[in-house]
Amino acid sequence: MVSSSTTISASFVSKRSRSPEPPQKKVMLRIKTQQDGGEDVYKIGRNTSLKKLMDAYCEKRNFERATVRFIYNDRELKPRNTPAQLMMEDGDFIDIVTDQGGG
């Protein structure tokens, strides 16, 4: 399966100095889908909330955000988490689980 790479970035301006903060270090994360074994690669700042990655993935794959769960180290990720908080490193995998509708 061909993987694609996306870079997610955010720039912040300090309220005191009104100058941009130094660029933050980025981490490369791989998102792996259980259904088709596909893999997407994202670069995200270590202190950027994972919500940006989650939203970008769902938009790219045309999923509704409420139907997708992101799993890292057997725990569901929260949108407010950051890679730094979870001690993520380059190349770490995030698994995707999509909720199945029906009854």
PDB file of N, CA and C in Angstrom:
ATOM      1  N   MET A   1       0.845  -1.179   0.000  1.00  0.00           N
ATOM      2  CA  MET A   1       0.000   0.000   0.000  1.00  0.00           C
ATOM      3  C   MET A   1       0.886   1.236   0.000  1.00  0.00           C
ATOM      4  N   VAL A   2       0.552   2.179  -0.778  1.00  0.00           N
ATOM      5  CA  VAL A   2       1.310   3.420  -0.880  1.00  0.00           C
ATOM      6  C   VAL A   2       0.924   4.319   0.283  1.00  0.00           C
ATOM      7  N   SER A   3       1.932   4.874   0.937  1.00  0.00           N
ATOM      8  CA  SER A   3       1.628   5.783   2.035  1.00  0.00           C
ATOM      9  C   SER A   3       1.839   7.208   1.555  1.00  0.00           C
ATOM     10  N   SER A   4       1.149   8.101   2.203  1.00  0.00           N
ATOM     11  CA  SER A   4       1.294   9.509   1.856  1.00  0.00           C
ATOM     12  C   SER A   4       1.742  10.254   3.102  1.00  0.00           C
ATOM     13  N   SER A   5       2.300  11.412   2.915  1.00  0.00           N
ATOM     14  CA  SER A   5       2.824  12.181   4.031  1.00  0.00           C
ATOM     15  C   SER A   5       2.161  13.548   4.070  1.00  0.00           C
ATOM     16  N   THR A   6       1.779  13.971   5.271  1.00  0.00           N
ATOM     17  CA  THR A   6       1.159  15.270   5.476  1.00  0.00           C
ATOM     18  C   THR A   6       1.862  15.953   6.633  1.00  0.00           C
ATOM     19  N   THR A   7       2.121  17.228   6.526  1.00  0.00           N
ATOM     20  CA  THR A   7       2.722  17.990   7.605  1.00  0.00           C
ATOM     21  C   THR A   7       1.664  18.890   8.210  1.00  0.00           C
ATOM     22  N   ILE A   8       1.556  18.833   9.532  1.00  0.00           N
ATOM     23  CA  ILE A   8       0.602  19.673  10.259  1.00  0.00           C
ATOM     24  C   ILE A   8       1.415  20.630  11.104  1.00  0.00           C
ATOM     25  N   SER A   9       1.138  21.896  11.003  1.00  0.00           N
ATOM     26  CA  SER A   9       1.899  22.857  11.786  1.00  0.00           C
ATOM     27  C   SER A   9       0.979  23.939  12.315  1.00  0.00           C
ATOM     28  N   ALA A  10       1.449  24.538  13.368  1.00  0.00           N
ATOM     29  CA  ALA A  10       0.730  25.660  13.947  1.00  0.00           C
ATOM     30  C   ALA A  10       1.764  26.663  14.414  1.00  0.00           C
ATOM     31  N   SER A  11       1.522  27.924  14.186  1.00  0.00           N
ATOM     32  CA  SER A  11       2.453  28.928  14.676  1.00  0.00           C
ATOM     33  C   SER A  11       1.740  29.752  15.737  1.00  0.00           C
ATOM     34  N   PHE A  12       2.470  30.067  16.749  1.00  0.00           N
ATOM     35  CA  PHE A  12       1.910  30.811  17.853  1.00  0.00           C
ATOM     36  C   PHE A  12       2.674  32.121  17.999  1.00  0.00           C
ATOM     37  N   VAL A  13       1.982  33.167  18.404  1.00  0.00           N
ATOM     38  CA  VAL A  13       2.606  34.458  18.620  1.00  0.00           C
ATOM     39  C   VAL A  13       2.505  34.767  20.104  1.00  0.00           C
ATOM     40  N   SER A  14       3.618  35.072  20.689  1.00  0.00           N
ATOM     41  CA  SER A  14       3.660  35.427  22.098  1.00  0.00           C
ATOM     42  C   SER A  14       2.894  36.725  22.312  1.00  0.00           C
ATOM     43  N   LYS A  15       2.099  36.782  23.371  1.00  0.00           N
ATOM     44  CA  LYS A  15       1.315  37.987  23.646  1.00  0.00           C
ATOM     45  C   LYS A  15       2.211  39.145  24.065  1.00  0.00           C
ATOM     46  N   ARG A  16       3.322  38.839  24.723  1.00  0.00           N
ATOM     47  CA  ARG A  16       4.200  39.904  25.183  1.00  0.00           C
ATOM     48  C   ARG A  16       5.016  40.505  24.050  1.00  0.00           C
ATOM     49  N   SER A  17       5.709  39.665  23.308  1.00  0.00           N
ATOM     50  CA  SER A  17       6.655  40.192  22.328  1.00  0.00           C
ATOM     51  C   SER A  17       6.049  40.359  20.944  1.00  0.00           C
ATOM     52  N   ARG A  18       4.935  39.692  20.678  1.00  0.00           N
ATOM     53  CA  ARG A  18       4.293  39.724  19.367  1.00  0.00           C
ATOM     54  C   ARG A  18       5.212  39.184  18.268  1.00  0.00           C
ATOM     55  N   SER A  19       6.224  38.409  18.675  1.00  0.00           N
ATOM     56  CA  SER A  19       7.081  37.777  17.672  1.00  0.00           C
ATOM     57  C   SER A  19       6.857  36.267  17.744  1.00  0.00           C
ATOM     58  N   PRO A  20       7.007  35.599  16.624  1.00  0.00           N
ATOM     59  CA  PRO A  20       6.772  34.150  16.622  1.00  0.00           C
ATOM     60  C   PRO A  20       7.742  33.419  17.538  1.00  0.00           C
ATOM     61  N   GLU A  21       7.239  32.356  18.143  1.00  0.00           N
ATOM     62  CA  GLU A  21       8.100  31.509  18.967  1.00  0.00           C
ATOM     63  C   GLU A  21       9.017  30.720  18.049  1.00  0.00           C
ATOM     64  N   PRO A  22      10.131  30.227  18.574  1.00  0.00           N
ATOM     65  CA  PRO A  22      11.003  29.420  17.729  1.00  0.00           C
ATOM     66  C   PRO A  22      10.255  28.189  17.228  1.00  0.00           C
ATOM     67  N   PRO A  23      10.609  27.711  16.034  1.00  0.00           N
ATOM     68  CA  PRO A  23       9.906  26.552  15.498  1.00  0.00           C
ATOM     69  C   PRO A  23      10.053  25.353  16.429  1.00  0.00           C
ATOM     70  N   GLN A  24       8.970  24.635  16.585  1.00  0.00           N
ATOM     71  CA  GLN A  24       9.007  23.481  17.479  1.00  0.00           C
ATOM     72  C   GLN A  24       9.443  22.237  16.715  1.00  0.00           C
ATOM     73  N   LYS A  25      10.022  21.318  17.446  1.00  0.00           N
ATOM     74  CA  LYS A  25      10.460  20.071  16.848  1.00  0.00           C
ATOM     75  C   LYS A  25       9.233  19.261  16.427  1.00  0.00           C
ATOM     76  N   LYS A  26       9.338  18.608  15.292  1.00  0.00           N
ATOM     77  CA  LYS A  26       8.223  17.811  14.780  1.00  0.00           C
ATOM     78  C   LYS A  26       8.512  16.331  14.972  1.00  0.00           C
ATOM     79  N   VAL A  27       7.447  15.563  15.040  1.00  0.00           N
ATOM     80  CA  VAL A  27       7.541  14.117  15.151  1.00  0.00           C
ATOM     81  C   VAL A  27       6.736  13.515  14.003  1.00  0.00           C
ATOM     82  N   MET A  28       7.257  12.445  13.412  1.00  0.00           N
ATOM     83  CA  MET A  28       6.574  11.775  12.309  1.00  0.00           C
ATOM     84  C   MET A  28       5.788  10.597  12.880  1.00  0.00           C
ATOM     85  N   LEU A  29       4.473  10.624  12.679  1.00  0.00           N
ATOM     86  CA  LEU A  29       3.594   9.575  13.185  1.00  0.00           C
ATOM     87  C   LEU A  29       2.938   8.856  12.020  1.00  0.00           C
ATOM     88  N   ARG A  30       2.756   7.565  12.163  1.00  0.00           N
ATOM     89  CA  ARG A  30       2.114   6.752  11.133  1.00  0.00           C
ATOM     90  C   ARG A  30       0.737   6.329  11.626  1.00  0.00           C
ATOM     91  N   ILE A  31      -0.264   6.528  10.774  1.00  0.00           N
ATOM     92  CA  ILE A  31      -1.624   6.101  11.104  1.00  0.00           C
ATOM     93  C   ILE A  31      -1.933   4.888  10.246  1.00  0.00           C
ATOM     94  N   LYS A  32      -2.287   3.810  10.917  1.00  0.00           N
ATOM     95  CA  LYS A  32      -2.531   2.539  10.239  1.00  0.00           C
ATOM     96  C   LYS A  32      -3.997   2.148  10.404  1.00  0.00           C
ATOM     97  N   THR A  33      -4.659   1.862   9.270  1.00  0.00           N
ATOM     98  CA  THR A  33      -6.057   1.442   9.330  1.00  0.00           C
ATOM     99  C   THR A  33      -6.137  -0.072   9.432  1.00  0.00           C
ATOM    100  N   GLN A  34      -7.026  -0.540  10.278  1.00  0.00           N
ATOM    101  CA  GLN A  34      -7.205  -1.980  10.491  1.00  0.00           C
ATOM    102  C   GLN A  34      -7.906  -2.632   9.309  1.00  0.00           C
ATOM    103  N   GLN A  35      -8.826  -1.913   8.667  1.00  0.00           N
ATOM    104  CA  GLN A  35      -9.652  -2.498   7.618  1.00  0.00           C
ATOM    105  C   GLN A  35      -8.840  -2.882   6.387  1.00  0.00           C
ATOM    106  N   ASP A  36      -8.034  -1.966   5.870  1.00  0.00           N
ATOM    107  CA  ASP A  36      -7.322  -2.251   4.624  1.00  0.00           C
ATOM    108  C   ASP A  36      -5.807  -2.291   4.781  1.00  0.00           C
ATOM    109  N   GLY A  37      -5.312  -2.091   5.983  1.00  0.00           N
ATOM    110  CA  GLY A  37      -3.872  -2.118   6.211  1.00  0.00           C
ATOM    111  C   GLY A  37      -3.145  -0.906   5.655  1.00  0.00           C
ATOM    112  N   GLY A  38      -3.897   0.096   5.191  1.00  0.00           N
ATOM    113  CA  GLY A  38      -3.296   1.308   4.647  1.00  0.00           C
ATOM    114  C   GLY A  38      -2.563   2.093   5.725  1.00  0.00           C
ATOM    115  N   GLU A  39      -1.662   2.937   5.278  1.00  0.00           N
ATOM    116  CA  GLU A  39      -0.858   3.713   6.211  1.00  0.00           C
ATOM    117  C   GLU A  39      -0.676   5.128   5.686  1.00  0.00           C
ATOM    118  N   ASP A  40      -0.881   6.111   6.552  1.00  0.00           N
ATOM    119  CA  ASP A  40      -0.639   7.513   6.228  1.00  0.00           C
ATOM    120  C   ASP A  40       0.417   8.031   7.197  1.00  0.00           C
ATOM    121  N   VAL A  41       1.251   8.944   6.724  1.00  0.00           N
ATOM    122  CA  VAL A  41       2.314   9.509   7.547  1.00  0.00           C
ATOM    123  C   VAL A  41       2.029  10.996   7.759  1.00  0.00           C
ATOM    124  N   TYR A  42       2.125  11.434   9.000  1.00  0.00           N
ATOM    125  CA  TYR A  42       1.886  12.838   9.344  1.00  0.00           C
ATOM    126  C   TYR A  42       3.062  13.350  10.163  1.00  0.00           C
ATOM    127  N   LYS A  43       3.454  14.597   9.905  1.00  0.00           N
ATOM    128  CA  LYS A  43       4.443  15.280  10.731  1.00  0.00           C
ATOM    129  C   LYS A  43       3.696  16.329  11.520  1.00  0.00           C
ATOM    130  N   ILE A  44       3.902  16.306  12.820  1.00  0.00           N
ATOM    131  CA  ILE A  44       3.167  17.214  13.698  1.00  0.00           C
ATOM    132  C   ILE A  44       4.111  17.715  14.780  1.00  0.00           C
ATOM    133  N   GLY A  45       3.918  18.950  15.196  1.00  0.00           N
ATOM    134  CA  GLY A  45       4.735  19.510  16.267  1.00  0.00           C
ATOM    135  C   GLY A  45       4.541  18.729  17.559  1.00  0.00           C
ATOM    136  N   ARG A  46       5.595  18.595  18.321  1.00  0.00           N
ATOM    137  CA  ARG A  46       5.537  17.810  19.562  1.00  0.00           C
ATOM    138  C   ARG A  46       4.535  18.392  20.567  1.00  0.00           C
ATOM    139  N   ASN A  47       4.290  19.697  20.504  1.00  0.00           N
ATOM    140  CA  ASN A  47       3.365  20.332  21.445  1.00  0.00           C
ATOM    141  C   ASN A  47       2.046  20.745  20.804  1.00  0.00           C
ATOM    142  N   THR A  48       1.775  20.228  19.608  1.00  0.00           N
ATOM    143  CA  THR A  48       0.518  20.512  18.918  1.00  0.00           C
ATOM    144  C   THR A  48      -0.509  19.466  19.316  1.00  0.00           C
ATOM    145  N   SER A  49      -1.736  19.898  19.588  1.00  0.00           N
ATOM    146  CA  SER A  49      -2.764  18.940  19.991  1.00  0.00           C
ATOM    147  C   SER A  49      -3.037  17.959  18.848  1.00  0.00           C
ATOM    148  N   LEU A  50      -3.318  16.724  19.212  1.00  0.00           N
ATOM    149  CA  LEU A  50      -3.579  15.684  18.223  1.00  0.00           C
ATOM    150  C   LEU A  50      -4.895  15.909  17.492  1.00  0.00           C
ATOM    151  N   LYS A  51      -5.708  16.853  17.941  1.00  0.00           N
ATOM    152  CA  LYS A  51      -6.955  17.169  17.249  1.00  0.00           C
ATOM    153  C   LYS A  51      -6.678  17.548  15.800  1.00  0.00           C
ATOM    154  N   LYS A  52      -5.599  18.276  15.562  1.00  0.00           N
ATOM    155  CA  LYS A  52      -5.260  18.680  14.198  1.00  0.00           C
ATOM    156  C   LYS A  52      -4.975  17.464  13.330  1.00  0.00           C
ATOM    157  N   LEU A  53      -4.246  16.507  13.858  1.00  0.00           N
ATOM    158  CA  LEU A  53      -3.948  15.282  13.123  1.00  0.00           C
ATOM    159  C   LEU A  53      -5.229  14.492  12.880  1.00  0.00           C
ATOM    160  N   MET A  54      -6.057  14.362  13.901  1.00  0.00           N
ATOM    161  CA  MET A  54      -7.310  13.617  13.789  1.00  0.00           C
ATOM    162  C   MET A  54      -8.227  14.228  12.728  1.00  0.00           C
ATOM    163  N   ASP A  55      -8.359  15.555  12.776  1.00  0.00           N
ATOM    164  CA  ASP A  55      -9.215  16.241  11.805  1.00  0.00           C
ATOM    165  C   ASP A  55      -8.671  16.094  10.387  1.00  0.00           C
ATOM    166  N   ALA A  56      -7.350  16.222  10.228  1.00  0.00           N
ATOM    167  CA  ALA A  56      -6.736  16.091   8.902  1.00  0.00           C
ATOM    168  C   ALA A  56      -6.935  14.681   8.349  1.00  0.00           C
ATOM    169  N   TYR A  57      -6.779  13.681   9.201  1.00  0.00           N
ATOM    170  CA  TYR A  57      -6.955  12.293   8.764  1.00  0.00           C
ATOM    171  C   TYR A  57      -8.402  12.038   8.330  1.00  0.00           C
ATOM    172  N   CYS A  58      -9.351  12.477   9.153  1.00  0.00           N
ATOM    173  CA  CYS A  58     -10.764  12.254   8.836  1.00  0.00           C
ATOM    174  C   CYS A  58     -11.174  12.982   7.560  1.00  0.00           C
ATOM    175  N   GLU A  59     -10.660  14.192   7.366  1.00  0.00           N
ATOM    176  CA  GLU A  59     -10.984  14.933   6.150  1.00  0.00           C
ATOM    177  C   GLU A  59     -10.401  14.223   4.928  1.00  0.00           C
ATOM    178  N   LYS A  60      -9.168  13.767   5.043  1.00  0.00           N
ATOM    179  CA  LYS A  60      -8.512  13.093   3.924  1.00  0.00           C
ATOM    180  C   LYS A  60      -9.216  11.797   3.538  1.00  0.00           C
ATOM    181  N   ARG A  61      -9.645  11.039   4.548  1.00  0.00           N
ATOM    182  CA  ARG A  61     -10.288   9.743   4.308  1.00  0.00           C
ATOM    183  C   ARG A  61     -11.809   9.844   4.203  1.00  0.00           C
ATOM    184  N   ASN A  62     -12.338  11.055   4.325  1.00  0.00           N
ATOM    185  CA  ASN A  62     -13.779  11.296   4.232  1.00  0.00           C
ATOM    186  C   ASN A  62     -14.565  10.531   5.304  1.00  0.00           C
ATOM    187  N   PHE A  63     -14.063  10.592   6.552  1.00  0.00           N
ATOM    188  CA  PHE A  63     -14.737   9.983   7.699  1.00  0.00           C
ATOM    189  C   PHE A  63     -15.361  11.080   8.545  1.00  0.00           C
ATOM    190  N   GLU A  64     -16.449  10.745   9.214  1.00  0.00           N
ATOM    191  CA  GLU A  64     -16.979  11.646  10.233  1.00  0.00           C
ATOM    192  C   GLU A  64     -16.145  11.435  11.484  1.00  0.00           C
ATOM    193  N   ARG A  65     -15.723  12.523  12.101  1.00  0.00           N
ATOM    194  CA  ARG A  65     -14.834  12.446  13.271  1.00  0.00           C
ATOM    195  C   ARG A  65     -15.419  11.579  14.386  1.00  0.00           C
ATOM    196  N   ALA A  66     -16.728  11.613  14.564  1.00  0.00           N
ATOM    197  CA  ALA A  66     -17.371  10.867  15.654  1.00  0.00           C
ATOM    198  C   ALA A  66     -17.338   9.348  15.440  1.00  0.00           C
ATOM    199  N   THR A  67     -17.021   8.899  14.221  1.00  0.00           N
ATOM    200  CA  THR A  67     -17.045   7.462  13.933  1.00  0.00           C
ATOM    201  C   THR A  67     -15.661   6.828  13.950  1.00  0.00           C
ATOM    202  N   VAL A  68     -14.637   7.619  14.271  1.00  0.00           N
ATOM    203  CA  VAL A  68     -13.260   7.114  14.234  1.00  0.00           C
ATOM    204  C   VAL A  68     -12.623   7.239  15.610  1.00  0.00           C
ATOM    205  N   ARG A  69     -11.960   6.153  16.020  1.00  0.00           N
ATOM    206  CA  ARG A  69     -11.190   6.181  17.275  1.00  0.00           C
ATOM    207  C   ARG A  69      -9.717   5.993  16.936  1.00  0.00           C
ATOM    208  N   PHE A  70      -8.876   6.770  17.593  1.00  0.00           N
ATOM    209  CA  PHE A  70      -7.436   6.723  17.392  1.00  0.00           C
ATOM    210  C   PHE A  70      -6.815   6.046  18.615  1.00  0.00           C
ATOM    211  N   ILE A  71      -6.064   4.973  18.386  1.00  0.00           N
ATOM    212  CA  ILE A  71      -5.520   4.155  19.478  1.00  0.00           C
ATOM    213  C   ILE A  71      -3.996   4.205  19.435  1.00  0.00           C
ATOM    214  N   TYR A  72      -3.382   4.486  20.579  1.00  0.00           N
ATOM    215  CA  TYR A  72      -1.923   4.484  20.707  1.00  0.00           C
ATOM    216  C   TYR A  72      -1.575   3.747  21.990  1.00  0.00           C
ATOM    217  N   ASN A  73      -0.719   2.743  21.897  1.00  0.00           N
ATOM    218  CA  ASN A  73      -0.332   1.928  23.063  1.00  0.00           C
ATOM    219  C   ASN A  73      -1.553   1.403  23.814  1.00  0.00           C
ATOM    220  N   ASP A  74      -2.506   0.878  23.071  1.00  0.00           N
ATOM    221  CA  ASP A  74      -3.731   0.273  23.617  1.00  0.00           C
ATOM    222  C   ASP A  74      -4.619   1.245  24.380  1.00  0.00           C
ATOM    223  N   ARG A  75      -4.450   2.544  24.155  1.00  0.00           N
ATOM    224  CA  ARG A  75      -5.298   3.546  24.801  1.00  0.00           C
ATOM    225  C   ARG A  75      -5.867   4.474  23.741  1.00  0.00           C
ATOM    226  N   GLU A  76      -7.121   4.862  23.931  1.00  0.00           N
ATOM    227  CA  GLU A  76      -7.745   5.793  22.993  1.00  0.00           C
ATOM    228  C   GLU A  76      -7.191   7.192  23.222  1.00  0.00           C
ATOM    229  N   LEU A  77      -6.794   7.833  22.131  1.00  0.00           N
ATOM    230  CA  LEU A  77      -6.262   9.187  22.212  1.00  0.00           C
ATOM    231  C   LEU A  77      -7.379  10.203  22.371  1.00  0.00           C
ATOM    232  N   LYS A  78      -7.090  11.235  23.095  1.00  0.00           N
ATOM    233  CA  LYS A  78      -8.004  12.366  23.249  1.00  0.00           C
ATOM    234  C   LYS A  78      -7.502  13.510  22.383  1.00  0.00           C
ATOM    235  N   PRO A  79      -8.398  14.300  21.806  1.00  0.00           N
ATOM    236  CA  PRO A  79      -7.971  15.405  20.939  1.00  0.00           C
ATOM    237  C   PRO A  79      -7.033  16.398  21.619  1.00  0.00           C
ATOM    238  N   ARG A  80      -7.122  16.571  22.911  1.00  0.00           N
ATOM    239  CA  ARG A  80      -6.286  17.548  23.615  1.00  0.00           C
ATOM    240  C   ARG A  80      -4.875  17.025  23.901  1.00  0.00           C
ATOM    241  N   ASN A  81      -4.643  15.699  23.725  1.00  0.00           N
ATOM    242  CA  ASN A  81      -3.308  15.131  23.930  1.00  0.00           C
ATOM    243  C   ASN A  81      -2.320  15.717  22.931  1.00  0.00           C
ATOM    244  N   THR A  82      -1.047  15.745  23.326  1.00  0.00           N
ATOM    245  CA  THR A  82       0.026  16.136  22.414  1.00  0.00           C
ATOM    246  C   THR A  82       1.029  14.991  22.332  1.00  0.00           C
ATOM    247  N   PRO A  83       1.809  14.933  21.256  1.00  0.00           N
ATOM    248  CA  PRO A  83       2.847  13.901  21.175  1.00  0.00           C
ATOM    249  C   PRO A  83       3.830  13.973  22.344  1.00  0.00           C
ATOM    250  N   ALA A  84       4.144  15.175  22.811  1.00  0.00           N
ATOM    251  CA  ALA A  84       5.079  15.314  23.935  1.00  0.00           C
ATOM    252  C   ALA A  84       4.499  14.684  25.203  1.00  0.00           C
ATOM    253  N   GLN A  85       3.224  14.913  25.478  1.00  0.00           N
ATOM    254  CA  GLN A  85       2.588  14.339  26.664  1.00  0.00           C
ATOM    255  C   GLN A  85       2.627  12.821  26.642  1.00  0.00           C
ATOM    256  N   LEU A  86       2.477  12.245  25.448  1.00  0.00           N
ATOM    257  CA  LEU A  86       2.419  10.787  25.311  1.00  0.00           C
ATOM    258  C   LEU A  86       3.785  10.174  25.023  1.00  0.00           C
ATOM    259  N   MET A  87       4.832  11.020  25.007  1.00  0.00           N
ATOM    260  CA  MET A  87       6.200  10.591  24.731  1.00  0.00           C
ATOM    261  C   MET A  87       6.306   9.822  23.409  1.00  0.00           C
ATOM    262  N   MET A  88       5.613  10.343  22.393  1.00  0.00           N
ATOM    263  CA  MET A  88       5.663   9.735  21.064  1.00  0.00           C
ATOM    264  C   MET A  88       6.997  10.060  20.406  1.00  0.00           C
ATOM    265  N   GLU A  89       7.457   9.121  19.593  1.00  0.00           N
ATOM    266  CA  GLU A  89       8.712   9.288  18.876  1.00  0.00           C
ATOM    267  C   GLU A  89       8.483   9.106  17.387  1.00  0.00           C
ATOM    268  N   ASP A  90       9.449   9.534  16.582  1.00  0.00           N
ATOM    269  CA  ASP A  90       9.364   9.357  15.133  1.00  0.00           C
ATOM    270  C   ASP A  90       9.063   7.905  14.790  1.00  0.00           C
ATOM    271  N   GLY A  91       8.087   7.721  13.889  1.00  0.00           N
ATOM    272  CA  GLY A  91       7.766   6.385  13.413  1.00  0.00           C
ATOM    273  C   GLY A  91       6.748   5.631  14.243  1.00  0.00           C
ATOM    274  N   ASP A  92       6.291   6.206  15.355  1.00  0.00           N
ATOM    275  CA  ASP A  92       5.279   5.522  16.174  1.00  0.00           C
ATOM    276  C   ASP A  92       3.992   5.364  15.378  1.00  0.00           C
ATOM    277  N   PHE A  93       3.276   4.270  15.667  1.00  0.00           N
ATOM    278  CA  PHE A  93       2.027   3.968  14.969  1.00  0.00           C
ATOM    279  C   PHE A  93       0.821   4.341  15.817  1.00  0.00           C
ATOM    280  N   ILE A  94      -0.176   4.904  15.153  1.00  0.00           N
ATOM    281  CA  ILE A  94      -1.495   5.136  15.737  1.00  0.00           C
ATOM    282  C   ILE A  94      -2.446   4.255  14.948  1.00  0.00           C
ATOM    283  N   ASP A  95      -3.202   3.416  15.633  1.00  0.00           N
ATOM    284  CA  ASP A  95      -4.174   2.551  14.971  1.00  0.00           C
ATOM    285  C   ASP A  95      -5.516   3.255  14.894  1.00  0.00           C
ATOM    286  N   ILE A  96      -6.243   2.963  13.827  1.00  0.00           N
ATOM    287  CA  ILE A  96      -7.560   3.548  13.603  1.00  0.00           C
ATOM    288  C   ILE A  96      -8.608   2.462  13.726  1.00  0.00           C
ATOM    289  N   VAL A  97      -9.657   2.744  14.472  1.00  0.00           N
ATOM    290  CA  VAL A  97     -10.798   1.857  14.559  1.00  0.00           C
ATOM    291  C   VAL A  97     -12.024   2.677  14.179  1.00  0.00           C
ATOM    292  N   THR A  98     -12.762   2.196  13.196  1.00  0.00           N
ATOM    293  CA  THR A  98     -13.984   2.896  12.802  1.00  0.00           C
ATOM    294  C   THR A  98     -15.179   2.159  13.384  1.00  0.00           C
ATOM    295  N   ASP A  99     -16.127   2.908  13.905  1.00  0.00           N
ATOM    296  CA  ASP A  99     -17.330   2.331  14.462  1.00  0.00           C
ATOM    297  C   ASP A  99     -18.232   1.856  13.328  1.00  0.00           C
ATOM    298  N   GLN A 100     -18.741   0.664  13.468  1.00  0.00           N
ATOM    299  CA  GLN A 100     -19.633   0.099  12.460  1.00  0.00           C
ATOM    300  C   GLN A 100     -21.080   0.423  12.821  1.00  0.00           C
ATOM    301  N   GLY A 101     -21.817   0.914  11.870  1.00  0.00           N
ATOM    302  CA  GLY A 101     -23.242   1.180  12.097  1.00  0.00           C
ATOM    303  C   GLY A 101     -24.043  -0.106  11.870  1.00  0.00           C
ATOM    304  N   GLY A 102     -25.261  -0.073  12.267  1.00  0.00           N
ATOM    305  CA  GLY A 102     -26.121  -1.237  12.018  1.00  0.00           C
ATOM    306  C   GLY A 102     -26.762  -1.725  13.288  1.00  0.00           C
ATOM    307  N   GLY A 103     -27.416  -2.823  13.187  1.00  0.00           N
ATOM    308  CA  GLY A 103     -28.067  -3.294  14.394  1.00  0.00           C
ATOM    309  C   GLY A 103     -28.628  -4.593  14.155  1.00  0.00           C
TER     310      GLY A 103
END
